[in-house]
N, C-alpha and C. Protein backbone atom coordinates (compact mmCIF):
# COMPACT_ATOMS: atom_id res chain seq x y z
N MET A 1 -17.75 -5.34 4.45
CA MET A 1 -17.32 -3.87 4.22
C MET A 1 -16.09 -3.86 3.26
N LEU A 2 -15.20 -4.90 3.43
CA LEU A 2 -14.09 -4.84 2.48
C LEU A 2 -14.48 -5.11 1.07
N ALA A 3 -15.44 -6.08 1.04
CA ALA A 3 -15.83 -6.19 -0.51
C ALA A 3 -16.54 -4.93 -1.09
N ARG A 4 -17.32 -4.29 -0.13
CA ARG A 4 -17.74 -2.93 -0.63
C ARG A 4 -16.81 -1.98 -1.07
N TRP A 5 -15.95 -1.88 -0.16
CA TRP A 5 -14.69 -0.96 -0.62
C TRP A 5 -13.99 -1.17 -1.79
N LEU A 6 -13.73 -2.52 -2.07
CA LEU A 6 -13.18 -2.95 -3.16
C LEU A 6 -13.98 -2.77 -4.51
N ALA A 7 -15.24 -2.92 -4.30
CA ALA A 7 -16.13 -2.53 -5.50
C ALA A 7 -16.36 -1.07 -5.62
N ALA A 8 -16.12 -0.14 -4.89
CA ALA A 8 -16.29 1.21 -5.05
C ALA A 8 -15.24 1.75 -6.22
N PRO A 9 -15.89 2.31 -7.08
CA PRO A 9 -15.21 2.93 -8.34
C PRO A 9 -13.87 3.43 -8.03
N HIS A 10 -13.75 4.20 -7.14
CA HIS A 10 -12.55 4.88 -6.82
C HIS A 10 -11.42 3.82 -6.34
N VAL A 11 -11.72 2.66 -5.80
CA VAL A 11 -10.79 1.70 -5.43
C VAL A 11 -10.68 0.75 -6.49
N ALA A 12 -11.69 0.36 -7.03
CA ALA A 12 -11.74 -0.78 -8.22
C ALA A 12 -10.77 -0.34 -9.26
N ARG A 13 -10.81 1.26 -9.56
CA ARG A 13 -10.06 1.46 -10.52
C ARG A 13 -8.49 1.03 -10.46
N TRP A 14 -8.01 1.13 -9.09
CA TRP A 14 -6.55 0.81 -8.74
C TRP A 14 -6.35 -0.53 -8.32
N TRP A 15 -7.23 -0.97 -7.58
CA TRP A 15 -7.04 -2.47 -6.96
C TRP A 15 -7.55 -3.47 -7.84
N HIS A 16 -8.40 -3.28 -8.73
CA HIS A 16 -8.88 -4.27 -9.75
C HIS A 16 -8.89 -5.77 -8.94
N HIS A 17 -9.82 -5.76 -8.00
CA HIS A 17 -9.96 -7.03 -7.10
C HIS A 17 -11.28 -7.55 -7.24
N GLU A 18 -11.38 -8.97 -7.14
CA GLU A 18 -12.53 -9.60 -7.05
C GLU A 18 -13.35 -9.22 -5.85
N THR A 19 -14.60 -8.95 -6.05
CA THR A 19 -15.33 -8.66 -4.73
C THR A 19 -16.31 -9.76 -4.04
N SER A 20 -16.30 -10.74 -4.75
CA SER A 20 -17.24 -11.93 -4.20
C SER A 20 -16.71 -12.23 -2.69
N ALA A 21 -17.48 -12.85 -1.83
CA ALA A 21 -17.34 -13.30 -0.46
C ALA A 21 -16.10 -14.21 -0.64
N GLU A 22 -16.12 -15.21 -1.66
CA GLU A 22 -15.22 -16.27 -1.71
C GLU A 22 -13.92 -15.47 -2.06
N ALA A 23 -13.71 -14.57 -2.94
CA ALA A 23 -12.55 -13.95 -3.31
C ALA A 23 -12.01 -12.92 -2.26
N VAL A 24 -12.89 -12.34 -1.32
CA VAL A 24 -12.26 -11.63 -0.11
C VAL A 24 -11.74 -12.72 0.77
N GLU A 25 -12.36 -13.63 1.02
CA GLU A 25 -11.91 -14.67 2.01
C GLU A 25 -10.67 -15.16 1.45
N ARG A 26 -10.51 -15.69 0.17
CA ARG A 26 -9.45 -16.16 -0.39
C ARG A 26 -8.10 -15.44 -0.31
N ASP A 27 -8.32 -14.07 -0.55
CA ASP A 27 -7.11 -13.21 -0.61
C ASP A 27 -6.86 -12.45 0.59
N PHE A 28 -7.75 -12.29 1.69
CA PHE A 28 -7.50 -11.42 2.81
C PHE A 28 -7.51 -12.41 4.05
N GLY A 29 -8.21 -13.63 3.89
CA GLY A 29 -8.45 -14.42 5.11
C GLY A 29 -7.07 -14.95 5.55
N PRO A 30 -6.11 -15.36 4.72
CA PRO A 30 -4.79 -15.81 5.14
C PRO A 30 -3.91 -14.81 5.91
N SER A 31 -4.21 -13.69 5.64
CA SER A 31 -3.49 -12.62 6.31
C SER A 31 -4.17 -12.35 7.84
N ALA A 32 -5.65 -12.62 7.63
CA ALA A 32 -6.10 -12.38 9.08
C ALA A 32 -5.99 -13.53 9.99
N ARG A 33 -5.62 -14.57 9.33
CA ARG A 33 -5.33 -15.67 10.19
C ARG A 33 -4.12 -15.90 10.48
N ARG A 34 -3.02 -14.88 10.08
CA ARG A 34 -1.62 -14.98 10.24
C ARG A 34 -0.97 -16.17 9.50
N GLU A 35 -1.53 -16.53 8.53
CA GLU A 35 -1.03 -17.55 7.45
C GLU A 35 0.00 -16.85 6.38
N GLU A 36 -0.34 -15.72 6.25
CA GLU A 36 0.58 -14.89 5.32
C GLU A 36 1.63 -13.88 6.10
N PRO A 37 2.77 -13.62 5.50
CA PRO A 37 3.67 -12.73 6.22
C PRO A 37 3.23 -11.03 6.26
N ASN A 38 2.28 -10.90 5.13
CA ASN A 38 1.80 -9.44 5.24
C ASN A 38 0.72 -9.16 6.40
N GLU A 39 0.50 -7.95 6.59
CA GLU A 39 -0.18 -7.50 7.70
C GLU A 39 -1.36 -6.58 6.99
N ASP A 40 -2.66 -7.09 7.39
CA ASP A 40 -3.61 -5.89 6.97
C ASP A 40 -4.32 -5.27 8.06
N LEU A 41 -4.27 -3.80 7.98
CA LEU A 41 -4.82 -3.17 9.09
C LEU A 41 -5.86 -2.45 8.81
N LEU A 42 -6.94 -2.36 9.64
CA LEU A 42 -8.07 -1.40 9.40
C LEU A 42 -7.83 -0.08 10.14
N ALA A 43 -7.87 1.02 9.20
CA ALA A 43 -7.69 2.54 9.60
C ALA A 43 -8.97 2.84 9.99
N VAL A 44 -9.00 3.51 11.24
CA VAL A 44 -10.16 3.93 11.94
C VAL A 44 -9.99 5.42 12.17
N LEU A 45 -11.13 6.15 11.90
CA LEU A 45 -11.27 7.49 12.40
C LEU A 45 -12.34 7.88 13.04
N ASP A 46 -12.26 8.33 14.33
CA ASP A 46 -13.62 8.74 15.05
C ASP A 46 -14.32 7.58 15.38
N GLY A 47 -13.69 6.38 15.52
CA GLY A 47 -14.45 5.25 15.64
C GLY A 47 -15.17 4.37 14.39
N VAL A 48 -15.02 5.06 13.19
CA VAL A 48 -15.57 4.58 12.11
C VAL A 48 -14.48 4.21 11.06
N PRO A 49 -14.66 2.74 10.46
CA PRO A 49 -13.57 2.34 9.51
C PRO A 49 -13.44 3.36 8.49
N LEU A 50 -12.24 3.59 8.22
CA LEU A 50 -11.89 4.68 7.16
C LEU A 50 -11.19 3.86 5.76
N GLY A 51 -10.36 3.01 6.03
CA GLY A 51 -9.60 2.34 5.00
C GLY A 51 -8.91 1.24 5.55
N LEU A 52 -8.06 0.65 4.37
CA LEU A 52 -7.23 -0.40 4.88
C LEU A 52 -5.82 -0.07 4.55
N VAL A 53 -4.80 -0.53 5.33
CA VAL A 53 -3.44 -0.54 5.10
C VAL A 53 -2.76 -2.08 5.08
N GLN A 54 -2.05 -2.28 4.04
CA GLN A 54 -1.23 -3.49 4.14
C GLN A 54 -0.02 -3.21 4.10
N ARG A 55 0.83 -3.97 4.95
CA ARG A 55 2.31 -3.79 5.02
C ARG A 55 2.93 -5.03 5.02
N SER A 56 4.13 -5.07 4.45
CA SER A 56 5.04 -6.33 4.38
C SER A 56 6.35 -6.11 4.13
N PHE A 57 7.24 -7.02 4.54
CA PHE A 57 8.60 -6.80 4.16
C PHE A 57 8.68 -7.32 2.64
N LEU A 58 9.35 -6.65 1.92
CA LEU A 58 9.62 -6.93 0.55
C LEU A 58 10.24 -8.36 0.36
N HIS A 59 11.31 -8.74 1.18
CA HIS A 59 11.80 -9.92 0.88
C HIS A 59 10.91 -11.30 1.20
N ASP A 60 9.64 -11.13 1.75
CA ASP A 60 8.78 -12.11 1.78
C ASP A 60 7.97 -12.30 0.48
N TYR A 61 8.24 -11.49 -0.53
CA TYR A 61 7.56 -11.70 -1.89
C TYR A 61 8.59 -11.47 -2.99
N PRO A 62 9.28 -12.58 -3.23
CA PRO A 62 10.46 -12.67 -4.05
C PRO A 62 10.13 -12.30 -5.54
N GLU A 63 9.08 -12.72 -5.88
CA GLU A 63 8.64 -12.46 -7.36
C GLU A 63 8.52 -10.78 -7.43
N TYR A 64 7.87 -10.22 -6.59
CA TYR A 64 7.81 -8.61 -6.50
C TYR A 64 9.10 -8.13 -6.42
N LEU A 65 9.97 -8.55 -5.71
CA LEU A 65 11.34 -7.98 -5.32
C LEU A 65 12.10 -8.15 -6.58
N ASP A 66 12.10 -9.33 -7.37
CA ASP A 66 12.64 -9.49 -8.47
C ASP A 66 12.33 -8.51 -9.64
N GLU A 67 11.09 -8.21 -9.44
CA GLU A 67 10.65 -7.00 -10.40
C GLU A 67 11.12 -5.75 -9.99
N LEU A 68 11.18 -5.42 -8.86
CA LEU A 68 11.58 -4.23 -8.22
C LEU A 68 12.95 -3.78 -8.27
N THR A 69 13.94 -4.87 -8.00
CA THR A 69 15.38 -4.62 -7.95
C THR A 69 16.14 -4.09 -9.06
N PRO A 70 15.61 -4.39 -10.36
CA PRO A 70 16.43 -3.69 -11.44
C PRO A 70 16.11 -2.20 -11.59
N ILE A 71 15.07 -1.83 -10.92
CA ILE A 71 14.69 -0.33 -10.82
C ILE A 71 15.29 0.41 -9.80
N VAL A 72 15.28 -0.19 -8.57
CA VAL A 72 15.81 0.44 -7.32
C VAL A 72 16.39 -0.38 -6.43
N ALA A 73 17.57 0.16 -5.55
CA ALA A 73 18.15 -0.78 -4.69
C ALA A 73 17.26 -1.05 -3.51
N VAL A 74 17.05 -2.26 -3.08
CA VAL A 74 16.12 -2.69 -1.94
C VAL A 74 16.88 -3.28 -0.89
N PRO A 75 17.13 -2.48 0.20
CA PRO A 75 17.70 -3.08 1.35
C PRO A 75 17.16 -4.23 1.90
N PRO A 76 17.77 -5.19 2.50
CA PRO A 76 17.37 -6.59 2.94
C PRO A 76 16.17 -6.39 3.93
N ARG A 77 15.86 -5.25 4.82
CA ARG A 77 14.73 -5.03 5.52
C ARG A 77 13.82 -4.13 5.24
N ALA A 78 13.76 -3.77 3.93
CA ALA A 78 12.74 -2.98 3.29
C ALA A 78 11.50 -3.43 3.42
N MET A 79 10.39 -2.54 3.78
CA MET A 79 8.89 -2.85 3.83
C MET A 79 8.17 -1.98 2.72
N THR A 80 7.15 -2.41 2.49
CA THR A 80 6.23 -1.68 1.62
C THR A 80 4.68 -1.61 2.11
N ILE A 81 4.10 -0.60 1.69
CA ILE A 81 2.58 -0.46 2.22
C ILE A 81 1.76 -0.54 0.97
N ASP A 82 0.71 -0.81 1.12
CA ASP A 82 -0.39 -0.38 0.08
C ASP A 82 -1.69 0.07 0.95
N TYR A 83 -2.58 0.73 0.46
CA TYR A 83 -3.70 1.38 1.03
C TYR A 83 -4.86 1.75 0.14
N LEU A 84 -5.88 2.09 0.93
CA LEU A 84 -7.18 2.55 0.33
C LEU A 84 -7.96 3.27 1.27
N ILE A 85 -8.66 4.21 0.82
CA ILE A 85 -9.68 4.83 1.66
C ILE A 85 -10.97 4.17 0.99
N GLY A 86 -11.83 3.56 2.08
CA GLY A 86 -13.17 2.98 1.62
C GLY A 86 -14.24 3.64 0.88
N ASP A 87 -14.38 4.77 1.54
CA ASP A 87 -15.63 5.69 1.10
C ASP A 87 -15.17 6.78 0.34
N ASP A 88 -15.73 6.75 -0.84
CA ASP A 88 -15.40 7.98 -1.92
C ASP A 88 -15.62 9.40 -1.22
N ALA A 89 -16.60 9.43 -0.33
CA ALA A 89 -16.72 10.74 0.28
C ALA A 89 -15.70 11.09 1.15
N ALA A 90 -14.69 10.19 1.71
CA ALA A 90 -13.79 10.60 2.49
C ALA A 90 -12.46 10.88 1.71
N THR A 91 -12.39 10.78 0.39
CA THR A 91 -11.28 11.14 -0.38
C THR A 91 -10.99 12.62 -0.70
N GLY A 92 -9.94 12.84 -0.98
CA GLY A 92 -9.63 14.32 -1.39
C GLY A 92 -9.86 15.47 -0.19
N ARG A 93 -9.63 14.85 1.12
CA ARG A 93 -9.70 15.65 2.27
C ARG A 93 -8.48 15.62 3.01
N GLY A 94 -7.47 15.01 2.76
CA GLY A 94 -6.16 14.83 3.41
C GLY A 94 -6.32 13.61 4.25
N LEU A 95 -7.32 12.95 4.38
CA LEU A 95 -7.39 11.75 5.20
C LEU A 95 -6.44 10.56 4.85
N GLY A 96 -6.16 10.47 3.42
CA GLY A 96 -5.30 9.33 3.09
C GLY A 96 -3.85 9.65 3.51
N THR A 97 -3.45 10.87 3.38
CA THR A 97 -2.20 11.33 3.90
C THR A 97 -2.04 11.01 5.45
N GLY A 98 -3.08 11.34 6.17
CA GLY A 98 -2.91 11.28 7.72
C GLY A 98 -3.13 9.72 8.01
N MET A 99 -3.71 8.87 7.16
CA MET A 99 -3.71 7.41 7.49
C MET A 99 -2.42 6.82 7.15
N ILE A 100 -1.61 7.35 6.06
CA ILE A 100 -0.27 6.82 5.69
C ILE A 100 0.61 7.21 6.78
N ARG A 101 0.57 8.35 7.35
CA ARG A 101 1.69 8.93 8.13
C ARG A 101 1.33 7.91 9.56
N SER A 102 0.25 7.91 10.08
CA SER A 102 -0.19 6.85 11.17
C SER A 102 0.28 5.56 10.99
N ALA A 103 0.25 4.95 9.62
CA ALA A 103 0.48 3.63 9.48
C ALA A 103 2.02 3.57 9.66
N LEU A 104 2.75 4.59 8.98
CA LEU A 104 4.23 4.70 9.10
C LEU A 104 4.81 4.64 10.47
N GLU A 105 4.10 5.45 11.25
CA GLU A 105 4.39 5.71 12.67
C GLU A 105 4.45 4.26 13.30
N ARG A 106 3.16 3.47 13.15
CA ARG A 106 3.04 2.13 13.80
C ARG A 106 4.04 1.15 13.12
N LEU A 107 4.36 1.21 11.84
CA LEU A 107 5.25 0.42 11.19
C LEU A 107 6.64 0.61 12.07
N TRP A 108 7.22 1.71 12.15
CA TRP A 108 8.47 1.98 12.71
C TRP A 108 8.43 1.44 14.18
N ALA A 109 7.37 1.57 14.93
CA ALA A 109 7.27 1.31 16.37
C ALA A 109 7.18 -0.26 16.26
N GLU A 110 6.46 -0.81 15.54
CA GLU A 110 6.14 -2.28 15.63
C GLU A 110 7.15 -3.28 14.74
N HIS A 111 7.91 -2.56 13.97
CA HIS A 111 9.01 -3.44 13.24
C HIS A 111 10.26 -2.64 13.39
N PRO A 112 11.06 -2.64 14.55
CA PRO A 112 12.16 -2.01 14.68
C PRO A 112 13.30 -2.55 13.80
N ASP A 113 13.22 -3.47 13.22
CA ASP A 113 14.30 -3.81 12.05
C ASP A 113 14.02 -3.41 10.76
N ALA A 114 12.70 -2.77 10.58
CA ALA A 114 12.60 -2.21 9.20
C ALA A 114 13.55 -0.98 8.88
N GLU A 115 14.16 -1.18 7.72
CA GLU A 115 15.34 -0.11 7.50
C GLU A 115 14.49 1.02 6.62
N CYS A 116 13.59 0.80 5.91
CA CYS A 116 12.97 1.87 4.94
C CYS A 116 11.58 1.36 4.66
N VAL A 117 10.87 2.21 3.99
CA VAL A 117 9.47 1.83 3.24
C VAL A 117 9.68 2.22 1.74
N ILE A 118 9.37 1.21 0.92
CA ILE A 118 9.40 1.41 -0.59
C ILE A 118 8.16 1.17 -1.21
N VAL A 119 7.56 2.18 -2.00
CA VAL A 119 6.21 2.10 -2.43
C VAL A 119 6.19 2.38 -3.78
N ALA A 120 5.73 1.34 -4.63
CA ALA A 120 5.50 1.55 -6.12
C ALA A 120 4.05 2.09 -6.38
N VAL A 121 3.74 2.85 -7.07
CA VAL A 121 2.30 3.40 -7.47
C VAL A 121 2.27 3.68 -8.85
N HIS A 122 1.16 3.23 -9.53
CA HIS A 122 0.95 3.58 -11.00
C HIS A 122 0.96 5.05 -11.16
N ALA A 123 1.86 5.22 -12.12
CA ALA A 123 1.97 6.88 -12.73
C ALA A 123 0.70 7.52 -12.72
N ASP A 124 -0.14 6.92 -13.18
CA ASP A 124 -1.54 7.72 -13.16
C ASP A 124 -2.29 7.86 -12.14
N ASN A 125 -1.91 7.35 -10.98
CA ASN A 125 -2.47 7.37 -9.70
C ASN A 125 -2.14 8.70 -8.95
N VAL A 126 -2.40 9.87 -9.45
CA VAL A 126 -1.87 11.05 -8.95
C VAL A 126 -2.13 11.08 -7.45
N ALA A 127 -3.46 10.96 -7.10
CA ALA A 127 -3.89 11.07 -5.62
C ALA A 127 -3.07 10.43 -4.69
N SER A 128 -2.79 8.94 -5.28
CA SER A 128 -2.04 8.28 -4.38
C SER A 128 -0.60 8.67 -4.10
N TRP A 129 -0.09 9.09 -5.13
CA TRP A 129 1.56 9.43 -5.16
C TRP A 129 1.60 10.77 -4.56
N ARG A 130 0.63 11.71 -4.61
CA ARG A 130 0.61 12.87 -3.91
C ARG A 130 0.48 12.70 -2.29
N ALA A 131 -0.50 11.64 -2.01
CA ALA A 131 -0.57 11.41 -0.53
C ALA A 131 0.80 10.97 0.02
N LEU A 132 1.33 10.19 -0.80
CA LEU A 132 2.86 9.68 -0.39
C LEU A 132 3.64 10.70 -0.03
N GLU A 133 3.89 11.74 -0.96
CA GLU A 133 4.47 12.88 -0.79
C GLU A 133 4.19 13.62 0.36
N ARG A 134 3.06 13.94 0.47
CA ARG A 134 2.70 14.80 1.75
C ARG A 134 2.85 14.09 2.94
N ALA A 135 3.02 12.75 2.99
CA ALA A 135 3.49 11.81 4.22
C ALA A 135 4.79 11.85 4.45
N GLY A 136 5.49 12.40 3.53
CA GLY A 136 7.07 12.52 3.66
C GLY A 136 7.89 11.49 2.77
N LEU A 137 7.25 10.89 1.89
CA LEU A 137 8.09 9.82 0.97
C LEU A 137 8.55 10.65 -0.07
N ALA A 138 9.79 10.31 -0.77
CA ALA A 138 10.27 10.93 -1.63
C ALA A 138 10.28 9.99 -2.92
N ARG A 139 10.11 10.46 -4.06
CA ARG A 139 10.19 9.88 -5.34
C ARG A 139 11.59 9.68 -5.52
N ILE A 140 12.08 8.25 -5.74
CA ILE A 140 13.46 7.94 -6.16
C ILE A 140 13.60 7.28 -7.55
N ALA A 141 12.40 6.98 -8.10
CA ALA A 141 12.69 6.18 -9.40
C ALA A 141 11.36 6.11 -10.21
N HIS A 142 11.32 5.79 -11.27
CA HIS A 142 10.21 5.41 -12.24
C HIS A 142 10.74 4.32 -12.86
N GLY A 143 9.78 3.21 -13.32
CA GLY A 143 9.97 2.08 -14.07
C GLY A 143 8.65 1.53 -14.36
N GLU A 144 9.10 0.38 -15.14
CA GLU A 144 8.04 -0.47 -15.43
C GLU A 144 7.63 -1.77 -14.58
N LEU A 145 6.63 -1.92 -14.08
CA LEU A 145 6.18 -2.88 -13.37
C LEU A 145 4.78 -3.56 -13.69
N ASP A 146 4.42 -4.70 -13.51
CA ASP A 146 3.06 -5.30 -13.59
C ASP A 146 2.05 -4.42 -13.02
N PRO A 147 1.04 -3.93 -13.50
CA PRO A 147 0.06 -3.20 -12.85
C PRO A 147 -0.86 -4.17 -12.22
N ASP A 148 -1.57 -3.42 -11.22
CA ASP A 148 -2.58 -4.38 -10.67
C ASP A 148 -3.93 -4.50 -11.48
N ASN A 149 -4.19 -3.52 -12.20
CA ASN A 149 -5.42 -3.41 -13.33
C ASN A 149 -4.64 -3.73 -14.59
N PRO A 150 -4.94 -4.86 -15.30
CA PRO A 150 -4.56 -5.19 -16.63
C PRO A 150 -4.86 -4.18 -17.64
N ALA A 151 -5.71 -3.17 -17.24
CA ALA A 151 -6.09 -2.17 -18.37
C ALA A 151 -5.00 -1.14 -18.42
N ASP A 152 -4.19 -1.00 -17.22
CA ASP A 152 -3.09 0.04 -17.27
C ASP A 152 -1.63 -0.44 -17.83
N ASP A 153 -1.03 0.50 -18.26
CA ASP A 153 0.35 0.13 -18.88
C ASP A 153 1.34 -0.16 -17.64
N ARG A 154 2.34 -0.19 -17.88
CA ARG A 154 3.40 -0.77 -16.83
C ARG A 154 4.13 0.44 -15.99
N ARG A 155 3.86 1.74 -16.38
CA ARG A 155 4.50 2.94 -15.71
C ARG A 155 4.19 3.00 -14.34
N HIS A 156 5.43 3.04 -13.49
CA HIS A 156 5.08 3.23 -12.11
C HIS A 156 6.17 4.25 -11.73
N VAL A 157 5.69 4.89 -10.46
CA VAL A 157 6.73 5.75 -9.87
C VAL A 157 7.07 5.16 -8.43
N ILE A 158 8.26 5.17 -7.88
CA ILE A 158 8.67 4.61 -6.79
C ILE A 158 8.97 5.35 -5.72
N TYR A 159 8.46 5.25 -4.29
CA TYR A 159 8.77 6.28 -3.48
C TYR A 159 9.61 5.54 -2.32
N ARG A 160 10.27 6.36 -1.57
CA ARG A 160 10.96 5.66 -0.28
C ARG A 160 11.07 6.78 0.77
N LEU A 161 10.89 6.16 2.06
CA LEU A 161 11.21 6.71 3.23
C LEU A 161 11.94 5.86 4.08
N ASP A 162 13.20 6.51 4.59
CA ASP A 162 14.09 5.82 5.44
C ASP A 162 13.51 5.95 6.92
N ARG A 163 13.90 4.94 7.62
CA ARG A 163 13.55 5.08 9.13
C ARG A 163 14.04 6.16 9.71
N PRO A 164 12.99 6.94 10.53
CA PRO A 164 13.79 8.06 11.12
C PRO A 164 14.68 7.94 11.94
N SER A 165 15.79 8.74 12.21
CA SER A 165 16.81 8.56 13.22
C SER A 165 16.21 9.21 14.57
N GLY A 166 16.72 8.52 15.63
CA GLY A 166 16.53 9.07 16.95
C GLY A 166 15.39 8.34 17.50
């Protein structure tokens, strides 16, 4: 299922991921076996898989943190998320926003030490950053980061949401 999602044009455009069984096992297997510090979560709607949400503490990925910190201040317990909707027919209906909101609610509950969520999105991925905005994240910066797709330039927008009080 994940290989099929990664191969779908609307996902492949931004994730630019190999889709062979070996590549999916190589890149997602360690997370599933808890050998990686990130967490891959399956988003389900009405009992049907909808998408994937990845979450991690930024400090667990020092190379990425080194790239991000010249652009924005990153608190010690900042987390990030990445996400995709698997089926193109499910896009453009607000489901991504709902998936992000749900993922954030779980993140706050399951990681009580998380201070905030910081998400960088390629500047041309308008659907993604609009979903972040509708989910309550605020654009805090823009800058140059390595893109997931080597065909893209380095322009990114960066969003943040602080842990809700109370």
